Amino acid sequence: MKVIAVISVILVLFALIFPIAACWDSAGPSGGPQPPDAPAGDGGDSLFYVPPAKPQAVRDTETQIKLLVDGQIRQISVHDYLTGAVAAEMPVSFAPEALKAQAVALRTYLARKLLHPSSAHPEADICADSGCCAAWRGEDQLREKWGDDFEANSARIAAAVEDTDGMILSYGGEPILAVFHSSSAGRTEDAQAVWLSALPYLVSVESPESAETVPDYVVSAAFTPEEFCDTVTAAHPEASFSDQPETWIADPVLTASGRLDHVTVGGVTLTGREIRSLFGLRSTAVTFDVTPEAVTVTSTGYGHGVGMSQYGAQTMALRGDSFQDILAAYYPGAELVAP
């Protein structure tokens, strides 16, 4: 009787366990959907697979990436990539804490690229084109640029990379989109205002740079009435301009950060981004001054305005803020993950 009782208990336990195991394995080789963020080689068929709660930060020297430079693929370490990227994207004269913040932002941007490969260059993890990914300079280019200061400048950049070794910013279990720009006009821009897609860590925040700390912070460009009209009508032939220039520009609407969202020009609605592109402006934080003799467009700051302001980071670093403070200010809600 005791043997029968033991066998009965075993059969009951087997009946309870087997359905659970079957559920764990249901996303496996049968062709069903795979677990999100499943590690390479797992294939989703691991019985006890659990998606990671946060992205795994690793040492920079432990990971090799494929970098597209001038049409050629280079396989280099994350450390070597970051030294060339930080040197290309931020002035080497900036304070150490600002350089560290830039290193973390670029490492995070790379980590997200590795997670979400670009269709622009599927053969490479990232490229050296700032219009697509981020700028990057190799040793030969930096030696030519820095001359006798190469060793000292290289050491400054390397220190920023090594002091933040492996650190990335995370939100919701994956690396954030750690975009940045040169300088803001008092506030950064909300991602939704630029790319029509909201991200909780890319919202408008205060930025401390000013005309006293940023070269060419406020720049004006003057156009004759003819130049202004020709530029607009080349893109929008339907635009119509009267003999009264003061009526050409109307109803400007600003974003929450004070940048131009859209404006009516010659009866046509143009976005702030299109105005910036058409007239070669440094940002969308613009104002207009129209007279019979000229149309003057003044812009403040430089770049799209989303994410970390580099000159804002420099201003914060000079007043004693750490790179952690800088990152927390510009990417609110993001978590700094270290190896």
Protein backbone atom coordinates (compact mmCIF):
# COMPACT_ATOMS: atom_id res chain seq x y z
CA MET A 1 0.00 0.00 0.00
CA LYS A 2 2.84 2.34 0.82
CA VAL A 3 4.39 1.76 -2.62
CA ILE A 4 1.08 2.49 -4.35
CA ALA A 5 0.69 5.69 -2.32
CA VAL A 6 4.17 6.89 -3.29
CA ILE A 7 3.52 6.15 -6.97
CA SER A 8 0.22 8.04 -6.78
CA VAL A 9 1.94 11.10 -5.30
CA ILE A 10 4.57 11.03 -8.06
CA LEU A 11 1.90 10.82 -10.76
CA VAL A 12 0.01 13.77 -9.27
CA LEU A 13 3.17 15.89 -9.09
CA PHE A 14 4.04 14.99 -12.70
CA ALA A 15 0.58 16.02 -13.85
CA LEU A 16 0.98 19.39 -12.11
CA ILE A 17 4.48 20.12 -13.38
CA PHE A 18 4.17 19.00 -16.99
CA PRO A 19 1.64 21.67 -18.16
CA ILE A 20 3.83 24.43 -16.67
CA ALA A 21 6.90 23.13 -18.49
CA ALA A 22 4.91 22.92 -21.71
CA CYS A 23 3.93 26.59 -21.41
CA TRP A 24 7.54 27.62 -20.87
CA ASP A 25 8.57 25.78 -24.04
CA SER A 26 5.69 26.93 -26.24
CA ALA A 27 7.73 29.73 -27.89
CA GLY A 28 10.50 27.36 -28.89
CA PRO A 29 11.39 25.54 -32.13
CA SER A 30 7.73 25.14 -33.09
CA GLY A 31 7.95 28.50 -34.86
CA GLY A 32 5.93 30.57 -32.41
CA PRO A 33 6.88 34.12 -31.41
CA GLN A 34 10.21 34.39 -29.61
CA PRO A 35 10.64 36.03 -26.19
CA PRO A 36 11.51 39.73 -26.50
CA ASP A 37 15.22 40.52 -26.28
CA ALA A 38 16.15 36.83 -26.25
CA PRO A 39 19.94 36.53 -26.14
CA ALA A 40 21.68 35.30 -29.28
CA GLY A 41 21.86 31.52 -29.37
CA ASP A 42 18.89 31.08 -27.04
CA GLY A 43 16.33 30.90 -29.82
CA GLY A 44 13.59 31.23 -27.23
CA ASP A 45 13.57 27.49 -26.50
CA SER A 46 15.23 27.62 -23.09
CA LEU A 47 12.82 26.16 -20.54
CA PHE A 48 13.66 28.73 -17.90
CA TYR A 49 14.37 31.77 -20.13
CA VAL A 50 13.38 35.08 -18.51
CA PRO A 51 13.85 38.36 -20.46
CA PRO A 52 16.45 40.57 -18.76
CA ALA A 53 15.08 43.24 -16.44
CA LYS A 54 17.71 45.69 -17.64
CA PRO A 55 20.27 45.88 -20.47
CA GLN A 56 23.58 44.25 -19.66
CA ALA A 57 26.43 46.75 -19.43
CA VAL A 58 29.82 45.30 -20.41
CA ARG A 59 33.37 46.59 -20.37
CA ASP A 60 34.33 48.60 -23.44
CA THR A 61 37.37 46.46 -24.26
CA GLU A 62 35.32 43.25 -24.13
CA THR A 63 33.10 44.06 -27.11
CA GLN A 64 34.04 44.40 -30.77
CA ILE A 65 31.81 46.28 -33.21
CA LYS A 66 31.71 46.85 -36.96
CA LEU A 67 32.18 50.53 -37.83
CA LEU A 68 31.50 51.85 -41.34
CA VAL A 69 34.06 54.53 -42.26
CA ASP A 70 34.47 55.92 -45.78
CA GLY A 71 32.81 52.88 -47.29
CA GLN A 72 35.00 50.42 -45.41
CA ILE A 73 34.16 48.20 -42.44
CA ARG A 74 36.50 48.40 -39.45
CA GLN A 75 36.24 45.95 -36.58
CA ILE A 76 37.24 47.78 -33.43
CA SER A 77 36.58 47.68 -29.71
CA VAL A 78 33.90 49.82 -28.12
CA HIS A 79 36.71 51.64 -26.27
CA ASP A 80 38.43 52.63 -29.53
CA TYR A 81 35.14 53.60 -31.11
CA LEU A 82 34.20 55.85 -28.20
CA THR A 83 37.56 57.65 -28.06
CA GLY A 84 37.16 58.57 -31.73
CA ALA A 85 33.48 59.48 -31.36
CA VAL A 86 33.85 61.66 -28.25
CA ALA A 87 36.79 63.44 -29.89
CA ALA A 88 34.69 64.11 -32.99
CA GLU A 89 31.47 65.13 -31.23
CA MET A 90 32.63 67.33 -28.33
CA PRO A 91 35.46 69.90 -28.00
CA VAL A 92 38.38 68.27 -26.19
CA SER A 93 38.76 71.46 -24.14
CA PHE A 94 35.46 70.77 -22.34
CA ALA A 95 35.52 69.91 -18.64
CA PRO A 96 36.14 66.26 -17.69
CA GLU A 97 32.60 65.75 -16.36
CA ALA A 98 31.09 67.02 -19.61
CA LEU A 99 33.35 64.66 -21.58
CA LYS A 100 32.25 61.77 -19.34
CA ALA A 101 28.59 62.62 -19.93
CA GLN A 102 29.26 62.63 -23.68
CA ALA A 103 31.00 59.25 -23.45
CA VAL A 104 28.00 57.71 -21.67
CA ALA A 105 25.57 59.23 -24.19
CA LEU A 106 27.55 57.86 -27.14
CA ARG A 107 27.99 54.44 -25.54
CA THR A 108 24.25 54.31 -24.91
CA TYR A 109 23.50 55.40 -28.47
CA LEU A 110 25.77 52.59 -29.72
CA ALA A 111 24.12 50.05 -27.41
CA ARG A 112 20.72 50.96 -28.82
CA LYS A 113 22.06 50.64 -32.37
CA LEU A 114 23.29 47.14 -31.53
CA LEU A 115 19.80 46.30 -30.25
CA HIS A 116 18.01 47.95 -33.18
CA PRO A 117 20.26 47.65 -36.28
CA SER A 118 20.05 50.37 -38.93
CA SER A 119 18.61 49.51 -42.34
CA ALA A 120 20.91 52.19 -43.80
CA HIS A 121 23.97 49.98 -43.29
CA PRO A 122 23.00 46.41 -42.31
CA GLU A 123 26.58 45.28 -42.79
CA ALA A 124 27.79 47.55 -39.96
CA ASP A 125 26.69 48.20 -36.39
CA ILE A 126 27.21 51.95 -36.65
CA CYS A 127 28.73 54.45 -39.09
CA ALA A 128 30.94 57.51 -38.86
CA ASP A 129 28.44 59.81 -40.62
CA SER A 130 26.93 62.31 -38.17
CA GLY A 131 23.94 62.68 -40.48
CA CYS A 132 23.11 59.01 -39.92
CA CYS A 133 24.72 57.93 -36.65
CA ALA A 134 27.54 59.88 -34.98
CA ALA A 135 30.77 61.50 -36.11
CA TRP A 136 34.01 59.57 -35.58
CA ARG A 137 37.69 60.33 -36.19
CA GLY A 138 40.58 57.90 -36.35
CA GLU A 139 44.06 58.41 -34.95
CA ASP A 140 45.50 59.83 -38.19
CA GLN A 141 42.76 62.46 -38.39
CA LEU A 142 43.19 63.43 -34.75
CA ARG A 143 46.97 63.69 -35.07
CA GLU A 144 46.46 66.05 -38.02
CA LYS A 145 43.87 68.08 -36.12
CA TRP A 146 45.65 68.31 -32.77
CA GLY A 147 49.30 68.32 -33.84
CA ASP A 148 51.64 68.58 -30.84
CA ASP A 149 48.67 68.34 -28.48
CA PHE A 150 47.71 64.88 -29.68
CA GLU A 151 49.05 62.93 -26.70
CA ALA A 152 47.56 65.26 -24.08
CA ASN A 153 44.20 65.50 -25.83
CA SER A 154 44.04 61.75 -26.40
CA ALA A 155 44.65 61.20 -22.70
CA ARG A 156 41.75 63.54 -21.79
CA ILE A 157 39.36 61.69 -24.06
CA ALA A 158 40.58 58.25 -22.97
CA ALA A 159 40.11 59.21 -19.32
CA ALA A 160 36.48 60.18 -19.95
CA VAL A 161 35.83 56.86 -21.68
CA GLU A 162 37.66 54.75 -19.09
CA ASP A 163 36.16 56.55 -16.08
CA THR A 164 32.70 55.61 -17.37
CA ASP A 165 33.73 52.17 -18.65
CA GLY A 166 30.70 50.22 -19.80
CA MET A 167 28.11 52.63 -18.36
CA ILE A 168 24.89 53.15 -20.32
CA LEU A 169 21.52 54.79 -19.72
CA SER A 170 18.46 52.53 -19.54
CA TYR A 171 14.71 53.04 -19.54
CA GLY A 172 12.09 50.30 -19.63
CA GLY A 173 14.68 47.54 -19.90
CA GLU A 174 16.68 48.78 -22.89
CA PRO A 175 19.22 51.47 -23.79
CA ILE A 176 17.64 54.87 -24.31
CA LEU A 177 17.84 56.91 -27.49
CA ALA A 178 20.61 59.15 -26.11
CA VAL A 179 20.51 61.97 -28.66
CA PHE A 180 22.28 65.26 -28.03
CA HIS A 181 22.85 68.64 -29.65
CA SER A 182 25.25 71.57 -29.42
CA SER A 183 23.26 74.20 -27.50
CA SER A 184 19.72 75.12 -26.48
CA ALA A 185 17.83 78.38 -26.12
CA GLY A 186 17.09 78.12 -22.41
CA ARG A 187 15.24 74.80 -22.68
CA THR A 188 15.74 71.57 -24.58
CA GLU A 189 13.06 70.38 -26.99
CA ASP A 190 10.52 67.60 -26.50
CA ALA A 191 11.19 64.64 -28.82
CA GLN A 192 7.54 64.61 -29.90
CA ALA A 193 7.85 68.15 -31.26
CA VAL A 194 10.69 67.07 -33.57
CA TRP A 195 10.02 63.45 -34.49
CA LEU A 196 6.29 63.17 -33.68
CA SER A 197 7.06 60.33 -31.27
CA ALA A 198 7.06 60.88 -27.52
CA LEU A 199 9.76 59.39 -25.30
CA PRO A 200 9.45 59.86 -21.53
CA TYR A 201 13.15 60.63 -21.05
CA LEU A 202 13.37 63.09 -23.97
CA VAL A 203 11.18 65.91 -22.68
CA SER A 204 11.79 69.64 -22.48
CA VAL A 205 14.02 70.60 -19.53
CA GLU A 206 15.90 73.73 -18.53
CA SER A 207 19.38 74.20 -19.99
CA PRO A 208 21.85 76.71 -18.45
CA GLU A 209 24.03 77.85 -21.38
CA SER A 210 23.93 81.46 -22.58
CA ALA A 211 25.43 83.92 -25.03
CA GLU A 212 28.30 84.41 -22.55
CA THR A 213 29.29 80.75 -22.72
CA VAL A 214 28.41 79.66 -26.27
CA PRO A 215 30.14 80.95 -29.42
CA ASP A 216 27.67 82.24 -32.04
CA TYR A 217 24.80 81.58 -29.65
CA VAL A 218 22.55 84.14 -31.38
CA VAL A 219 22.98 84.44 -35.15
CA SER A 220 21.01 86.61 -37.59
CA ALA A 221 20.69 86.10 -41.33
CA ALA A 222 19.32 88.91 -43.51
CA PHE A 223 17.65 88.30 -46.87
CA THR A 224 16.40 90.77 -49.43
CA PRO A 225 12.64 90.51 -50.02
CA GLU A 226 13.37 88.94 -53.40
CA GLU A 227 15.71 86.34 -51.88
CA PHE A 228 13.20 85.47 -49.20
CA CYS A 229 10.31 85.04 -51.68
CA ASP A 230 12.41 83.04 -54.13
CA THR A 231 13.55 80.66 -51.40
CA VAL A 232 10.01 79.94 -50.25
CA THR A 233 8.43 79.68 -53.71
CA ALA A 234 11.18 77.30 -54.88
CA ALA A 235 9.85 74.82 -52.30
CA HIS A 236 6.22 75.96 -52.39
CA PRO A 237 5.18 77.42 -55.77
CA GLU A 238 1.68 77.99 -54.35
CA ALA A 239 2.97 80.63 -51.94
CA SER A 240 1.80 84.16 -52.71
CA PHE A 241 3.48 87.39 -51.62
CA SER A 242 1.86 90.83 -51.72
CA ASP A 243 3.60 94.20 -52.08
CA GLN A 244 3.56 94.55 -48.29
CA PRO A 245 6.38 92.44 -46.78
CA GLU A 246 5.11 92.98 -43.24
CA THR A 247 2.12 90.72 -44.11
CA TRP A 248 4.19 87.81 -45.44
CA ILE A 249 4.80 86.09 -42.11
CA ALA A 250 1.85 85.44 -39.80
CA ASP A 251 0.53 83.30 -36.96
CA PRO A 252 3.74 81.76 -35.57
CA VAL A 253 3.04 78.89 -33.16
CA LEU A 254 5.74 77.91 -30.67
CA THR A 255 6.47 74.59 -28.97
CA ALA A 256 6.61 74.30 -25.18
CA SER A 257 10.34 75.03 -25.30
CA GLY A 258 9.85 78.28 -27.23
CA ARG A 259 10.96 76.96 -30.62
CA LEU A 260 8.99 77.54 -33.81
CA ASP A 261 6.49 74.74 -34.40
CA HIS A 262 4.92 76.23 -37.54
CA VAL A 263 4.21 79.57 -39.17
CA THR A 264 2.27 80.90 -42.16
CA VAL A 265 4.53 82.30 -44.88
CA GLY A 266 2.99 83.65 -48.08
CA GLY A 267 -0.25 81.90 -47.16
CA VAL A 268 1.49 78.50 -46.78
CA THR A 269 2.05 76.72 -43.46
CA LEU A 270 5.71 75.85 -42.91
CA THR A 271 7.11 73.91 -39.98
CA GLY A 272 9.97 75.27 -37.93
CA ARG A 273 12.18 72.47 -39.23
CA GLU A 274 11.41 73.43 -42.83
CA ILE A 275 12.16 77.09 -42.12
CA ARG A 276 15.48 76.06 -40.61
CA SER A 277 16.32 73.91 -43.63
CA LEU A 278 15.22 76.43 -46.27
CA PHE A 279 17.25 79.29 -44.82
CA GLY A 280 20.20 77.37 -43.43
CA LEU A 281 19.53 78.34 -39.81
CA ARG A 282 21.30 76.91 -36.77
CA SER A 283 18.11 75.97 -34.91
CA THR A 284 14.32 76.32 -34.89
CA ALA A 285 14.42 78.83 -32.01
CA VAL A 286 13.84 81.67 -34.48
CA THR A 287 12.36 85.15 -34.66
CA PHE A 288 11.57 87.29 -37.71
CA ASP A 289 12.07 90.98 -38.38
CA VAL A 290 10.49 92.18 -41.64
CA THR A 291 11.03 95.56 -43.28
CA PRO A 292 10.60 96.73 -46.89
CA GLU A 293 14.38 96.38 -47.26
CA ALA A 294 15.06 92.99 -45.64
CA VAL A 295 13.72 89.91 -43.88
CA THR A 296 15.98 89.10 -40.95
CA VAL A 297 15.75 85.67 -39.32
CA THR A 298 17.50 85.26 -35.96
CA SER A 299 18.19 81.85 -34.44
CA THR A 300 19.38 80.95 -30.95
CA GLY A 301 21.36 77.83 -30.07
CA TYR A 302 22.45 75.12 -32.46
CA GLY A 303 20.88 71.77 -33.32
CA HIS A 304 17.54 70.00 -33.02
CA GLY A 305 17.44 70.72 -29.30
CA VAL A 306 16.50 67.21 -28.11
CA GLY A 307 18.36 65.42 -25.33
CA MET A 308 21.64 66.60 -23.85
CA SER A 309 22.91 70.07 -24.71
CA GLN A 310 26.68 69.84 -24.99
CA TYR A 311 27.27 73.45 -23.98
CA GLY A 312 24.69 73.01 -21.25
CA ALA A 313 26.68 70.01 -20.02
CA GLN A 314 29.83 72.12 -20.09
CA THR A 315 28.14 74.90 -18.11
CA MET A 316 26.95 72.38 -15.51
CA ALA A 317 30.39 70.75 -15.27
CA LEU A 318 32.10 74.12 -14.73
CA ARG A 319 29.77 74.91 -11.85
CA GLY A 320 30.68 71.63 -10.17
CA ASP A 321 28.03 69.16 -11.33
CA SER A 322 29.06 65.55 -11.95
CA PHE A 323 28.46 63.62 -15.14
CA GLN A 324 25.73 61.73 -13.27
CA ASP A 325 24.04 65.08 -12.50
CA ILE A 326 24.29 66.12 -16.13
CA LEU A 327 22.79 62.89 -17.46
CA ALA A 328 19.99 62.94 -14.89
CA ALA A 329 19.11 66.51 -15.87
CA TYR A 330 18.94 65.90 -19.62
CA TYR A 331 17.53 62.35 -19.65
CA PRO A 332 15.04 62.45 -16.74
CA GLY A 333 13.91 59.06 -15.53
CA ALA A 334 16.71 57.13 -17.24
CA GLU A 335 18.80 54.78 -15.08
CA LEU A 336 22.59 54.73 -15.22
CA VAL A 337 23.62 51.06 -15.55
CA ALA A 338 27.22 50.01 -14.83
CA PRO A 339 28.98 46.66 -15.43
